[in-house]
Protein backbone atom coordinates (compact mmCIF):
# COMPACT_ATOMS: atom_id res chain seq x y z
CA MET A 1 1.66 0.48 2.65
CA ILE A 2 3.90 3.28 3.86
CA ARG A 3 2.36 6.19 5.78
CA PRO A 4 4.17 9.42 4.90
CA SER A 5 2.92 12.96 5.49
CA THR A 6 0.13 14.28 3.27
CA ASN A 7 2.48 16.57 1.33
CA ARG A 8 4.92 13.73 0.70
CA VAL A 9 2.13 11.47 -0.55
CA ILE A 10 0.92 14.10 -2.98
CA ALA A 11 4.45 14.80 -4.21
CA VAL A 12 5.43 11.14 -4.58
CA VAL A 13 2.24 10.00 -6.30
CA PHE A 14 2.23 13.00 -8.64
CA ALA A 15 5.87 12.37 -9.57
CA LEU A 16 5.22 8.68 -10.19
CA ALA A 17 2.14 9.40 -12.27
CA VAL A 18 4.02 11.92 -14.40
CA SER A 19 6.97 9.59 -14.89
CA VAL A 20 5.05 6.43 -15.77
CA ALA A 21 2.29 7.96 -17.91
CA PRO A 22 4.59 8.35 -20.94
CA LEU A 23 5.55 4.69 -20.59
CA ALA A 24 1.92 3.67 -20.85
CA SER A 25 1.24 5.87 -23.85
CA ALA A 26 4.41 4.69 -25.58
CA GLN A 27 3.40 1.04 -25.46
CA PRO A 28 2.27 -0.35 -28.83
CA ALA A 29 -1.35 -1.39 -28.95
CA GLN A 30 -1.77 -5.03 -28.02
CA PRO A 31 -3.64 -7.22 -30.52
CA VAL A 32 -7.20 -7.83 -29.44
CA GLU A 33 -7.78 -11.54 -28.87
CA PRO A 34 -11.15 -13.15 -29.44
CA ASN A 35 -13.43 -12.69 -26.44
CA SER A 36 -10.73 -10.59 -24.74
CA GLN A 37 -13.43 -8.54 -23.00
CA GLU A 38 -14.60 -11.72 -21.30
CA ARG A 39 -11.19 -12.67 -19.91
CA ALA A 40 -10.12 -12.55 -16.28
CA SER A 41 -6.59 -12.42 -14.93
CA ILE A 42 -4.61 -13.44 -11.88
CA THR A 43 -1.46 -11.65 -10.79
CA VAL A 44 1.28 -11.84 -8.20
CA GLU A 45 2.59 -8.47 -7.06
CA SER A 46 4.68 -6.80 -4.40
CA ASP A 47 5.08 -3.37 -2.83
CA VAL A 48 8.76 -2.77 -3.66
CA LEU A 49 9.09 0.06 -1.11
CA SER A 50 8.86 -2.44 1.74
CA PHE A 51 12.13 -4.12 0.71
CA PHE A 52 14.00 -0.85 1.27
CA ILE A 53 12.83 -0.57 4.89
CA GLY A 54 13.65 -4.00 6.22
CA GLY A 55 10.52 -5.81 5.14
CA TYR A 56 8.74 -7.72 2.41
CA SER A 57 5.42 -7.71 0.58
CA ALA A 58 3.49 -10.38 -1.31
CA MET A 59 0.04 -10.12 -2.86
CA VAL A 60 -2.33 -12.10 -5.09
CA ASN A 61 -4.72 -10.11 -7.27
CA VAL A 62 -7.70 -11.43 -9.27
CA SER A 63 -9.33 -9.23 -11.92
CA LEU A 64 -12.72 -10.21 -13.34
CA PRO A 65 -14.13 -9.59 -16.83
CA ASN A 66 -16.56 -7.03 -15.36
CA LYS A 67 -13.47 -4.90 -14.40
CA PHE A 68 -13.81 -5.47 -10.67
CA GLN A 69 -10.82 -6.92 -8.87
CA ALA A 70 -9.85 -8.13 -5.40
CA ALA A 71 -6.40 -8.50 -3.90
CA PHE A 72 -5.03 -9.93 -0.66
CA GLY A 73 -1.52 -9.49 0.61
CA ILE A 74 0.82 -9.86 3.59
CA GLY A 75 4.09 -8.29 4.65
CA ASN A 76 6.07 -6.44 7.30
CA TYR A 77 8.40 -3.43 7.52
CA ASP A 78 10.37 -1.12 9.78
CA VAL A 79 8.47 2.11 10.32
CA PRO A 80 10.66 4.91 8.86
CA GLY A 81 12.04 7.29 11.45
CA PHE A 82 10.40 10.40 10.00
CA LEU A 83 6.97 8.87 10.65
CA VAL A 84 7.47 8.56 14.41
CA GLU A 85 9.53 11.74 14.79
CA GLY A 86 6.40 13.82 14.37
CA ASP A 87 4.90 12.46 17.59
CA SER A 88 4.68 15.05 20.37
CA ASN A 89 6.48 12.70 22.79
CA PHE A 90 9.29 11.70 20.44
CA ASP A 91 11.96 13.82 22.16
CA ALA A 92 11.32 12.02 25.43
CA ALA A 93 10.68 8.54 24.05
CA ARG A 94 12.83 8.31 20.90
CA TRP A 95 10.36 5.85 19.41
CA ALA A 96 11.48 2.95 17.25
CA ALA A 97 8.68 1.02 15.57
CA ARG A 98 8.18 -2.02 13.40
CA VAL A 99 5.04 -3.43 11.83
CA THR A 100 5.68 -7.10 12.52
CA SER A 101 2.86 -8.20 10.23
CA VAL A 102 0.33 -6.57 7.96
CA GLN A 103 -2.61 -8.03 6.05
CA VAL A 104 -4.10 -6.04 3.19
CA PHE A 105 -7.38 -6.48 1.34
CA ARG A 106 -8.04 -4.27 -1.68
CA ALA A 107 -11.20 -4.17 -3.81
CA THR A 108 -11.09 -1.87 -6.82
CA TYR A 109 -12.59 -1.16 -10.20
CA ARG A 110 -10.18 -1.18 -13.17
CA PHE A 111 -11.66 1.26 -15.63
CA ARG A 112 -10.01 -0.36 -18.66
CA GLY A 113 -10.21 -3.94 -17.51
CA PRO A 114 -7.61 -6.63 -16.78
CA MET A 115 -4.11 -6.66 -18.31
CA THR A 116 -4.28 -3.14 -19.74
CA SER A 117 -2.89 0.20 -18.59
CA GLY A 118 -5.38 2.45 -16.84
CA PRO A 119 -6.70 3.84 -13.56
CA ALA A 120 -8.22 1.92 -10.65
CA LEU A 121 -10.32 3.14 -7.75
CA GLY A 122 -11.82 1.38 -4.76
CA ALA A 123 -11.53 0.50 -1.08
CA VAL A 124 -8.74 -0.87 1.08
CA LEU A 125 -8.50 -2.53 4.48
CA LEU A 126 -5.24 -2.95 6.42
CA ASN A 127 -4.66 -4.87 9.64
CA GLN A 128 -1.28 -3.97 11.14
CA ASN A 129 0.47 -5.39 14.20
CA TRP A 130 2.83 -2.81 15.69
CA ARG A 131 5.82 -3.23 18.00
CA LEU A 132 6.81 0.10 19.58
CA GLN A 133 9.99 0.48 21.62
CA SER A 134 11.64 3.29 23.58
CA ALA A 135 15.24 3.11 24.75
CA PRO A 136 15.05 6.16 27.07
CA LEU A 137 11.92 4.76 28.73
CA ARG A 138 13.41 1.25 28.84
CA GLY A 139 10.29 -0.41 27.60
CA GLY A 140 8.04 -1.26 24.74
CA THR A 141 4.51 -2.18 23.78
CA THR A 142 2.50 -3.82 21.03
CA PHE A 143 -0.85 -2.91 19.52
CA ARG A 144 -3.06 -3.74 16.58
CA GLU A 145 -4.43 -1.17 14.19
CA LEU A 146 -7.25 -1.59 11.67
CA SER A 147 -7.38 0.93 8.82
CA THR A 148 -10.15 1.31 6.24
CA GLY A 149 -10.44 3.83 3.44
CA VAL A 150 -10.35 4.69 -0.24
CA THR A 151 -7.53 3.87 -2.61
CA GLY A 152 -6.62 4.65 -6.20
CA GLY A 153 -3.76 4.23 -8.60
CA TYR A 154 -2.72 3.74 -12.19
CA TYR A 155 -1.67 0.46 -13.82
CA VAL A 156 1.18 0.81 -16.29
CA HIS A 157 1.63 -2.37 -18.34
CA LEU A 158 5.06 -2.75 -19.90
CA GLY A 159 4.08 -5.45 -22.34
CA THR A 160 1.23 -7.86 -21.74
CA HIS A 161 2.22 -9.35 -18.39
CA PHE A 162 4.51 -7.05 -16.38
CA TYR A 163 3.09 -3.92 -14.76
CA ILE A 164 3.90 -1.09 -12.36
CA TYR A 165 1.16 0.18 -10.07
CA PRO A 166 1.80 3.39 -8.06
CA THR A 167 -1.06 3.79 -5.63
CA ALA A 168 -2.20 5.95 -2.73
CA ALA A 169 -4.89 5.66 -0.07
CA TYR A 170 -6.55 7.69 2.65
CA THR A 171 -7.66 5.71 5.68
CA TYR A 172 -9.44 5.89 9.01
CA ASN A 173 -7.32 4.18 11.67
CA ASN A 174 -8.52 2.44 14.81
CA VAL A 175 -6.38 0.79 17.51
CA TYR A 176 -8.51 -2.17 18.61
CA SER A 177 -6.04 -4.15 20.72
CA GLY A 178 -3.00 -3.49 22.91
CA GLU A 179 -1.53 -0.28 24.31
CA THR A 180 0.00 2.72 22.53
CA SER A 181 1.87 3.96 25.59
CA VAL A 182 5.13 2.97 27.28
CA ARG A 183 5.46 3.67 31.02
CA GLY A 184 2.79 6.34 30.83
CA THR A 185 4.18 8.08 27.73
CA ASN A 186 1.70 7.93 24.88
CA TYR A 187 2.31 7.45 21.17
CA LYS A 188 -0.47 9.11 19.16
CA VAL A 189 -1.95 7.16 16.25
CA ASP A 190 -3.58 9.52 13.76
CA LYS A 191 -7.27 8.90 13.21
CA PHE A 192 -6.91 9.74 9.53
CA SER A 193 -3.79 9.39 7.42
CA PRO A 194 -2.56 9.03 3.83
CA ASN A 195 -0.66 5.98 2.61
CA ALA A 196 1.44 5.32 -0.47
CA SER A 197 2.93 2.27 -2.17
CA LEU A 198 4.61 1.27 -5.40
CA HIS A 199 3.65 -2.17 -6.66
CA VAL A 200 5.12 -4.28 -9.43
CA GLY A 201 3.47 -7.44 -10.68
CA TRP A 202 3.07 -10.15 -13.29
CA ALA A 203 -0.33 -11.03 -14.74
CA TRP A 204 -1.65 -14.17 -16.42
CA GLY A 205 -4.84 -14.24 -18.48
CA LEU A 206 -7.50 -16.81 -17.55
């Protein structure tokens, strides 16, 4: 998940919600299959934003008939420059950062159930391994960050199987391993921060 500023998160998620909502409403009603309310689904999905910043994303998502779902994913990405430029020591350090690996666990409630358009709300956990470098300071460091928080989004199914899922989260962040400073110059990790992502996926009914 990408960590933009709060205003950017609000603007991006609002724009995505406005743009995809008509797509959901324009979809013809799917025929109701026997026992459809008792079906589960499994999906493969990806955060497409990561591919535009030198990374990748892959996730498996299982939705149960009771509308609860769980997802686990992995990935990596280059941290966009505007995220580190806000640090108070950026002028001296000229930070360059990459998340070399990230593991994501998401547990949510899909209000309209599997394989249908509708909102989802729940909790998210991210474990991110950072590599932070500074050319002016001639050094670098690594650290691990664990983030937990709330997440929500809206599933837009374009047909039965393919979907788009714009989502946002607000997390508490804790550095539990490594150092966030290079040669005595500190990089500040925000205790609380918003996150945003844009997922696409393919679902199969079980």
